[in-house]
Amino acid sequence: MALQLTLKPFERIVINGCVVRNSARKSTIVIETKADVVRGQDLLSKKAAVTPVNQAYFLVQTALTDPGLQDKLRSPIQKQLAALATTFGPPNVHCVFEAANFVSQGDFYKALRALRPLMKREAEILGATTPRPASLRETQGNAGHAHHEEPALSRDAG
């Protein structure tokens, strides 16, 4: 089944580790084969990875956006998730186990998705000032504007 994405002007996505930025107009793309796809709004900057869940999310995100690092990052991700498993109790701890299971299977996108509820819960515990990806923030009106910090995604073209 094909994945159809409608991109806003200048919206970024990462496809199998390649950063793609849309042009000045809204457009739709169709991805016809299996690929790891992450919208720019779901990415967290390295500077924002200051809490335990954000650090785990950033490690998983890095493995997803840089396939060459996946084998190297698998163990540090599992260690970070093991530490989180001792922090959260029911009903949130299942998200940690689910993320760890997806990491062991090499499905880093689903691991990211499993961590998103924990990011929300962590933000509730620590307060609204905890950095999160734009897609998890309550107000998205400014998402994608130049004054927001870009996640670390520099990649040489060519």
N, C-alpha and C. Protein backbone atom coordinates (compact mmCIF):
# COMPACT_ATOMS: atom_id res chain seq x y z
N MET A 1 0.84 -1.18 0.00
CA MET A 1 0.00 0.00 0.00
C MET A 1 0.89 1.24 0.00
N ALA A 2 0.62 2.17 -0.87
CA ALA A 2 1.41 3.38 -1.01
C ALA A 2 1.10 4.37 0.11
N LEU A 3 2.12 5.16 0.46
CA LEU A 3 1.97 6.21 1.46
C LEU A 3 1.90 7.54 0.73
N GLN A 4 0.80 8.25 0.93
CA GLN A 4 0.62 9.55 0.29
C GLN A 4 0.81 10.63 1.34
N LEU A 5 1.72 11.57 1.09
CA LEU A 5 1.99 12.66 2.01
C LEU A 5 1.72 13.99 1.33
N THR A 6 0.96 14.83 1.98
CA THR A 6 0.77 16.19 1.51
C THR A 6 1.68 17.08 2.33
N LEU A 7 2.58 17.75 1.66
CA LEU A 7 3.59 18.57 2.32
C LEU A 7 3.23 20.04 2.22
N LYS A 8 3.39 20.72 3.33
CA LYS A 8 3.20 22.17 3.37
C LYS A 8 4.40 22.83 2.69
N PRO A 9 4.27 24.09 2.31
CA PRO A 9 5.43 24.78 1.72
C PRO A 9 6.63 24.73 2.67
N PHE A 10 7.77 24.35 2.13
CA PHE A 10 9.06 24.28 2.83
C PHE A 10 9.11 23.22 3.95
N GLU A 11 8.10 22.37 4.02
CA GLU A 11 8.12 21.31 5.03
C GLU A 11 9.21 20.30 4.69
N ARG A 12 9.86 19.79 5.73
CA ARG A 12 10.91 18.79 5.57
C ARG A 12 10.41 17.42 5.96
N ILE A 13 10.92 16.42 5.25
CA ILE A 13 10.71 15.03 5.63
C ILE A 13 12.05 14.32 5.47
N VAL A 14 12.18 13.22 6.18
CA VAL A 14 13.37 12.39 6.05
C VAL A 14 12.89 11.05 5.51
N ILE A 15 13.47 10.65 4.38
CA ILE A 15 13.13 9.37 3.75
C ILE A 15 14.39 8.53 3.71
N ASN A 16 14.40 7.44 4.45
CA ASN A 16 15.57 6.54 4.51
C ASN A 16 16.86 7.31 4.76
N GLY A 17 16.80 8.29 5.65
CA GLY A 17 17.99 9.05 6.02
C GLY A 17 18.27 10.25 5.14
N CYS A 18 17.54 10.44 4.07
CA CYS A 18 17.74 11.57 3.17
C CYS A 18 16.75 12.68 3.52
N VAL A 19 17.27 13.88 3.78
CA VAL A 19 16.42 15.02 4.12
C VAL A 19 15.90 15.63 2.82
N VAL A 20 14.58 15.77 2.75
CA VAL A 20 13.92 16.34 1.58
C VAL A 20 13.11 17.54 2.05
N ARG A 21 13.26 18.68 1.35
CA ARG A 21 12.49 19.87 1.69
C ARG A 21 11.58 20.19 0.51
N ASN A 22 10.32 20.47 0.81
CA ASN A 22 9.35 20.83 -0.20
C ASN A 22 9.64 22.23 -0.73
N SER A 23 9.12 22.51 -1.90
CA SER A 23 9.28 23.84 -2.50
C SER A 23 8.31 24.83 -1.86
N ALA A 24 8.13 25.96 -2.47
CA ALA A 24 7.31 27.04 -1.91
C ALA A 24 5.81 26.76 -1.98
N ARG A 25 5.41 25.70 -2.65
CA ARG A 25 3.99 25.38 -2.78
C ARG A 25 3.66 24.06 -2.12
N LYS A 26 2.42 23.96 -1.69
CA LYS A 26 1.92 22.70 -1.14
C LYS A 26 2.00 21.65 -2.24
N SER A 27 2.46 20.45 -1.87
CA SER A 27 2.53 19.38 -2.86
C SER A 27 2.27 18.04 -2.20
N THR A 28 1.98 17.07 -3.03
CA THR A 28 1.71 15.72 -2.56
C THR A 28 2.70 14.78 -3.21
N ILE A 29 3.26 13.89 -2.39
CA ILE A 29 4.14 12.86 -2.94
C ILE A 29 3.57 11.51 -2.53
N VAL A 30 3.89 10.51 -3.32
CA VAL A 30 3.45 9.15 -3.04
C VAL A 30 4.70 8.28 -2.95
N ILE A 31 4.84 7.58 -1.84
CA ILE A 31 5.95 6.66 -1.65
C ILE A 31 5.38 5.27 -1.87
N GLU A 32 5.86 4.61 -2.90
CA GLU A 32 5.26 3.36 -3.35
C GLU A 32 5.91 2.10 -2.79
N THR A 33 7.06 2.23 -2.16
CA THR A 33 7.71 1.06 -1.57
C THR A 33 7.97 1.32 -0.10
N LYS A 34 8.38 0.28 0.62
CA LYS A 34 8.66 0.43 2.05
C LYS A 34 9.83 1.39 2.24
N ALA A 35 9.65 2.36 3.12
CA ALA A 35 10.70 3.33 3.42
C ALA A 35 10.46 3.87 4.82
N ASP A 36 11.54 4.28 5.47
CA ASP A 36 11.44 4.98 6.76
C ASP A 36 11.21 6.45 6.46
N VAL A 37 10.06 6.96 6.86
CA VAL A 37 9.68 8.33 6.58
C VAL A 37 9.33 9.03 7.89
N VAL A 38 9.93 10.19 8.12
CA VAL A 38 9.63 10.98 9.31
C VAL A 38 9.43 12.42 8.87
N ARG A 39 8.34 13.02 9.31
CA ARG A 39 8.12 14.44 9.03
C ARG A 39 9.04 15.27 9.90
N GLY A 40 9.45 16.40 9.37
CA GLY A 40 10.33 17.30 10.11
C GLY A 40 9.76 17.72 11.45
N GLN A 41 8.44 17.86 11.53
CA GLN A 41 7.81 18.29 12.78
C GLN A 41 7.90 17.23 13.88
N ASP A 42 8.22 16.00 13.51
CA ASP A 42 8.35 14.93 14.50
C ASP A 42 9.79 14.74 14.97
N LEU A 43 10.69 15.58 14.49
CA LEU A 43 12.10 15.48 14.86
C LEU A 43 12.42 16.39 16.04
N LEU A 44 13.31 15.93 16.87
CA LEU A 44 13.74 16.66 18.06
C LEU A 44 15.19 17.07 17.87
N SER A 45 15.52 18.31 18.22
CA SER A 45 16.90 18.75 18.08
C SER A 45 17.76 18.15 19.19
N LYS A 46 19.04 18.02 18.93
CA LYS A 46 19.96 17.47 19.93
C LYS A 46 19.97 18.35 21.18
N LYS A 47 19.88 19.64 20.99
CA LYS A 47 19.88 20.59 22.12
C LYS A 47 18.64 20.39 23.01
N ALA A 48 17.55 19.96 22.43
CA ALA A 48 16.31 19.76 23.18
C ALA A 48 16.26 18.41 23.90
N ALA A 49 17.20 17.54 23.62
CA ALA A 49 17.20 16.20 24.23
C ALA A 49 17.84 16.26 25.61
N VAL A 50 17.13 16.89 26.55
CA VAL A 50 17.68 17.12 27.89
C VAL A 50 17.03 16.27 28.97
N THR A 51 15.92 15.63 28.66
CA THR A 51 15.23 14.80 29.64
C THR A 51 15.45 13.33 29.27
N PRO A 52 15.24 12.43 30.19
CA PRO A 52 15.47 11.01 29.88
C PRO A 52 14.67 10.48 28.68
N VAL A 53 13.41 10.82 28.58
CA VAL A 53 12.61 10.33 27.45
C VAL A 53 13.06 11.01 26.17
N ASN A 54 13.32 12.32 26.22
CA ASN A 54 13.79 13.02 25.03
C ASN A 54 15.13 12.46 24.55
N GLN A 55 15.99 12.07 25.49
CA GLN A 55 17.28 11.49 25.10
C GLN A 55 17.07 10.16 24.39
N ALA A 56 16.18 9.34 24.89
CA ALA A 56 15.88 8.07 24.23
C ALA A 56 15.28 8.33 22.85
N TYR A 57 14.35 9.27 22.78
CA TYR A 57 13.70 9.62 21.51
C TYR A 57 14.75 10.07 20.50
N PHE A 58 15.68 10.93 20.95
CA PHE A 58 16.71 11.45 20.05
C PHE A 58 17.62 10.33 19.54
N LEU A 59 17.98 9.39 20.41
CA LEU A 59 18.81 8.26 19.98
C LEU A 59 18.09 7.43 18.91
N VAL A 60 16.81 7.15 19.15
CA VAL A 60 16.03 6.37 18.18
C VAL A 60 15.91 7.17 16.88
N GLN A 61 15.64 8.46 17.00
CA GLN A 61 15.52 9.32 15.83
C GLN A 61 16.82 9.32 15.02
N THR A 62 17.95 9.38 15.70
CA THR A 62 19.24 9.37 15.02
C THR A 62 19.45 8.06 14.28
N ALA A 63 19.07 6.95 14.90
CA ALA A 63 19.18 5.65 14.22
C ALA A 63 18.27 5.60 12.99
N LEU A 64 17.12 6.21 13.11
CA LEU A 64 16.17 6.21 11.99
C LEU A 64 16.65 7.10 10.85
N THR A 65 17.17 8.26 11.17
CA THR A 65 17.56 9.22 10.13
C THR A 65 18.97 8.98 9.58
N ASP A 66 19.75 8.13 10.24
CA ASP A 66 21.09 7.80 9.75
C ASP A 66 21.26 6.29 9.81
N PRO A 67 20.76 5.59 8.80
CA PRO A 67 20.78 4.12 8.81
C PRO A 67 22.15 3.51 9.06
N GLY A 68 23.22 4.21 8.72
CA GLY A 68 24.55 3.69 8.95
C GLY A 68 24.92 3.57 10.42
N LEU A 69 24.18 4.25 11.29
CA LEU A 69 24.45 4.22 12.73
C LEU A 69 23.57 3.23 13.50
N GLN A 70 22.65 2.59 12.84
CA GLN A 70 21.66 1.77 13.54
C GLN A 70 22.30 0.67 14.39
N ASP A 71 23.25 -0.06 13.85
CA ASP A 71 23.88 -1.13 14.62
C ASP A 71 24.64 -0.59 15.82
N LYS A 72 25.30 0.53 15.63
CA LYS A 72 26.09 1.15 16.70
C LYS A 72 25.19 1.70 17.82
N LEU A 73 24.01 2.20 17.45
CA LEU A 73 23.12 2.84 18.43
C LEU A 73 22.17 1.87 19.13
N ARG A 74 22.01 0.67 18.61
CA ARG A 74 21.03 -0.26 19.17
C ARG A 74 21.26 -0.50 20.67
N SER A 75 22.49 -0.75 21.08
CA SER A 75 22.80 -1.02 22.49
C SER A 75 22.58 0.22 23.37
N PRO A 76 23.09 1.40 23.00
CA PRO A 76 22.81 2.59 23.82
C PRO A 76 21.31 2.91 23.94
N ILE A 77 20.58 2.66 22.87
CA ILE A 77 19.13 2.90 22.93
C ILE A 77 18.50 1.94 23.93
N GLN A 78 18.85 0.65 23.85
CA GLN A 78 18.27 -0.34 24.76
C GLN A 78 18.64 -0.02 26.21
N LYS A 79 19.86 0.46 26.47
CA LYS A 79 20.25 0.85 27.83
C LYS A 79 19.42 2.02 28.32
N GLN A 80 19.19 3.01 27.47
CA GLN A 80 18.38 4.18 27.84
C GLN A 80 16.94 3.74 28.12
N LEU A 81 16.43 2.84 27.30
CA LEU A 81 15.06 2.35 27.50
C LEU A 81 14.95 1.51 28.77
N ALA A 82 15.98 0.74 29.08
CA ALA A 82 15.98 -0.05 30.32
C ALA A 82 15.91 0.87 31.53
N ALA A 83 16.64 1.98 31.47
CA ALA A 83 16.59 2.95 32.57
C ALA A 83 15.19 3.57 32.68
N LEU A 84 14.55 3.81 31.55
CA LEU A 84 13.18 4.37 31.57
C LEU A 84 12.18 3.37 32.14
N ALA A 85 12.41 2.09 31.89
CA ALA A 85 11.48 1.06 32.37
C ALA A 85 11.41 1.05 33.89
N THR A 86 12.48 1.47 34.56
CA THR A 86 12.46 1.51 36.02
C THR A 86 11.85 2.80 36.54
N THR A 87 11.64 3.75 35.65
CA THR A 87 11.11 5.07 36.03
C THR A 87 9.60 5.12 35.94
N PHE A 88 9.04 4.54 34.89
CA PHE A 88 7.61 4.61 34.65
C PHE A 88 6.92 3.35 35.14
N GLY A 89 5.74 3.52 35.64
CA GLY A 89 4.91 2.39 36.05
C GLY A 89 3.72 2.28 35.13
N PRO A 90 2.81 1.36 35.47
CA PRO A 90 1.60 1.22 34.66
C PRO A 90 0.84 2.54 34.64
N PRO A 91 0.23 2.92 33.60
CA PRO A 91 0.10 2.24 32.31
C PRO A 91 1.19 2.63 31.32
N ASN A 92 2.13 3.51 31.70
CA ASN A 92 3.10 4.06 30.74
C ASN A 92 4.28 3.14 30.43
N VAL A 93 4.60 2.22 31.33
CA VAL A 93 5.78 1.39 31.12
C VAL A 93 5.64 0.50 29.89
N HIS A 94 4.42 0.19 29.49
CA HIS A 94 4.24 -0.64 28.29
C HIS A 94 4.81 0.07 27.05
N CYS A 95 4.79 1.40 27.03
CA CYS A 95 5.36 2.15 25.90
C CYS A 95 6.87 1.92 25.80
N VAL A 96 7.54 1.83 26.95
CA VAL A 96 8.98 1.57 26.98
C VAL A 96 9.26 0.19 26.42
N PHE A 97 8.52 -0.81 26.89
CA PHE A 97 8.73 -2.18 26.41
C PHE A 97 8.42 -2.31 24.92
N GLU A 98 7.38 -1.62 24.49
CA GLU A 98 7.03 -1.64 23.08
C GLU A 98 8.15 -1.02 22.24
N ALA A 99 8.68 0.12 22.69
CA ALA A 99 9.79 0.77 21.97
C ALA A 99 11.01 -0.14 21.92
N ALA A 100 11.34 -0.77 23.05
CA ALA A 100 12.50 -1.68 23.09
C ALA A 100 12.31 -2.85 22.14
N ASN A 101 11.11 -3.38 22.07
CA ASN A 101 10.82 -4.48 21.16
C ASN A 101 11.02 -4.04 19.70
N PHE A 102 10.52 -2.86 19.36
CA PHE A 102 10.68 -2.36 17.99
C PHE A 102 12.15 -2.10 17.66
N VAL A 103 12.91 -1.59 18.62
CA VAL A 103 14.34 -1.36 18.38
C VAL A 103 15.04 -2.70 18.10
N SER A 104 14.71 -3.72 18.89
CA SER A 104 15.35 -5.03 18.67
C SER A 104 14.98 -5.61 17.31
N GLN A 105 13.83 -5.23 16.77
CA GLN A 105 13.40 -5.69 15.44
C GLN A 105 13.95 -4.79 14.33
N GLY A 106 14.57 -3.68 14.71
CA GLY A 106 15.10 -2.74 13.71
C GLY A 106 14.05 -1.82 13.14
N ASP A 107 12.89 -1.72 13.78
CA ASP A 107 11.82 -0.83 13.32
C ASP A 107 11.86 0.44 14.16
N PHE A 108 12.75 1.34 13.79
CA PHE A 108 12.99 2.54 14.58
C PHE A 108 11.85 3.54 14.48
N TYR A 109 11.13 3.55 13.36
CA TYR A 109 9.98 4.45 13.26
C TYR A 109 8.92 4.08 14.28
N LYS A 110 8.60 2.81 14.39
CA LYS A 110 7.59 2.38 15.36
C LYS A 110 8.08 2.60 16.79
N ALA A 111 9.39 2.50 17.01
CA ALA A 111 9.94 2.80 18.34
C ALA A 111 9.73 4.27 18.67
N LEU A 112 9.95 5.15 17.70
CA LEU A 112 9.69 6.59 17.92
C LEU A 112 8.23 6.80 18.29
N ARG A 113 7.37 6.17 17.52
CA ARG A 113 5.93 6.31 17.76
C ARG A 113 5.54 5.82 19.15
N ALA A 114 6.17 4.75 19.61
CA ALA A 114 5.88 4.20 20.93
C ALA A 114 6.32 5.15 22.05
N LEU A 115 7.35 5.94 21.79
CA LEU A 115 7.87 6.85 22.82
C LEU A 115 7.07 8.15 22.93
N ARG A 116 6.27 8.49 21.95
CA ARG A 116 5.55 9.77 21.97
C ARG A 116 4.61 9.92 23.16
N PRO A 117 3.85 8.90 23.56
CA PRO A 117 3.02 9.07 24.75
C PRO A 117 3.86 9.32 26.01
N LEU A 118 5.04 8.71 26.09
CA LEU A 118 5.92 8.94 27.23
C LEU A 118 6.43 10.38 27.25
N MET A 119 6.67 10.94 26.07
CA MET A 119 7.12 12.33 26.01
C MET A 119 6.03 13.26 26.55
N LYS A 120 4.79 12.96 26.20
CA LYS A 120 3.68 13.77 26.72
C LYS A 120 3.58 13.63 28.23
N ARG A 121 3.70 12.41 28.73
CA ARG A 121 3.60 12.17 30.18
C ARG A 121 4.76 12.84 30.91
N GLU A 122 5.96 12.73 30.37
CA GLU A 122 7.12 13.37 30.96
C GLU A 122 6.93 14.89 31.01
N ALA A 123 6.37 15.46 29.96
CA ALA A 123 6.12 16.90 29.93
C ALA A 123 5.10 17.30 30.99
N GLU A 124 4.09 16.46 31.20
CA GLU A 124 3.11 16.73 32.26
C GLU A 124 3.79 16.74 33.63
N ILE A 125 4.69 15.79 33.84
CA ILE A 125 5.38 15.68 35.12
C ILE A 125 6.34 16.84 35.34
N LEU A 126 7.11 17.16 34.31
CA LEU A 126 8.16 18.18 34.44
C LEU A 126 7.69 19.60 34.15
N GLY A 127 6.55 19.75 33.53
CA GLY A 127 6.03 21.07 33.20
C GLY A 127 6.06 21.31 31.71
N ALA A 128 5.34 22.32 31.29
CA ALA A 128 5.15 22.59 29.86
C ALA A 128 6.40 23.09 29.16
N THR A 129 7.47 23.42 29.88
CA THR A 129 8.66 23.96 29.23
C THR A 129 9.57 22.87 28.67
N THR A 130 9.21 21.61 28.83
CA THR A 130 10.01 20.51 28.31
C THR A 130 9.95 20.50 26.79
N PRO A 131 11.12 20.53 26.10
CA PRO A 131 11.12 20.52 24.63
C PRO A 131 10.55 19.22 24.09
N ARG A 132 9.74 19.35 23.04
CA ARG A 132 9.17 18.20 22.35
C ARG A 132 9.12 18.50 20.87
N PRO A 133 9.00 17.48 20.04
CA PRO A 133 8.81 17.73 18.61
C PRO A 133 7.56 18.57 18.39
N ALA A 134 7.54 19.33 17.31
CA ALA A 134 6.42 20.22 17.03
C ALA A 134 5.09 19.49 16.98
N SER A 135 5.07 18.26 16.50
CA SER A 135 3.82 17.54 16.38
C SER A 135 3.22 17.17 17.74
N LEU A 136 4.01 17.25 18.81
CA LEU A 136 3.51 16.93 20.14
C LEU A 136 3.21 18.17 20.98
N ARG A 137 3.45 19.34 20.42
CA ARG A 137 3.18 20.56 21.16
C ARG A 137 1.71 20.92 21.04
N GLU A 138 1.20 21.64 22.07
CA GLU A 138 -0.20 22.02 22.06
C GLU A 138 -0.50 23.02 20.95
N THR A 139 0.41 23.98 20.74
CA THR A 139 0.20 24.98 19.70
C THR A 139 1.21 24.75 18.60
N GLN A 140 0.69 24.63 17.39
CA GLN A 140 1.57 24.37 16.26
C GLN A 140 1.62 25.54 15.30
N GLY A 141 1.08 26.66 15.65
CA GLY A 141 1.01 27.80 14.75
C GLY A 141 2.36 28.27 14.25
N ASN A 142 3.41 28.11 15.04
CA ASN A 142 4.73 28.58 14.62
C ASN A 142 5.63 27.46 14.15
N ALA A 143 5.14 26.25 14.08
CA ALA A 143 5.99 25.12 13.69
C ALA A 143 6.53 25.33 12.28
N GLY A 144 7.82 25.08 12.11
CA GLY A 144 8.43 25.17 10.80
C GLY A 144 8.98 26.52 10.44
N HIS A 145 8.78 27.55 11.26
CA HIS A 145 9.31 28.87 10.95
C HIS A 145 10.80 28.93 11.25
N ALA A 146 11.48 29.85 10.60
CA ALA A 146 12.93 29.90 10.65
C ALA A 146 13.48 30.18 12.04
N HIS A 147 12.72 30.81 12.92
CA HIS A 147 13.27 31.14 14.23
C HIS A 147 13.29 29.94 15.18
N HIS A 148 12.67 28.84 14.80
CA HIS A 148 12.75 27.62 15.62
C HIS A 148 14.03 26.89 15.28
N GLU A 149 14.61 26.25 16.27
CA GLU A 149 15.85 25.50 16.04
C GLU A 149 15.57 24.27 15.19
N GLU A 150 16.37 24.09 14.18
CA GLU A 150 16.26 22.94 13.30
C GLU A 150 16.91 21.73 13.95
N PRO A 151 16.31 20.57 13.87
CA PRO A 151 16.99 19.36 14.34
C PRO A 151 18.26 19.12 13.54
N ALA A 152 19.18 18.42 14.13
CA ALA A 152 20.46 18.16 13.47
C ALA A 152 20.25 17.19 12.31
N LEU A 153 20.15 17.73 11.12
CA LEU A 153 19.90 16.90 9.95
C LEU A 153 20.78 17.29 8.77
N SER A 154 21.89 17.95 9.02
CA SER A 154 22.71 18.34 7.89
C SER A 154 23.27 17.10 7.22
N ARG A 155 23.15 17.07 5.93
CA ARG A 155 23.63 15.93 5.18
C ARG A 155 24.11 16.47 3.83
N ASP A 156 25.27 16.01 3.41
CA ASP A 156 25.81 16.47 2.14
C ASP A 156 24.98 15.91 1.00
N ALA A 157 24.59 16.78 0.07
CA ALA A 157 23.85 16.33 -1.09
C ALA A 157 24.85 15.84 -2.13
N GLY A 158 24.50 14.77 -2.80
CA GLY A 158 25.37 14.30 -3.88
C GLY A 158 26.16 13.17 -3.47
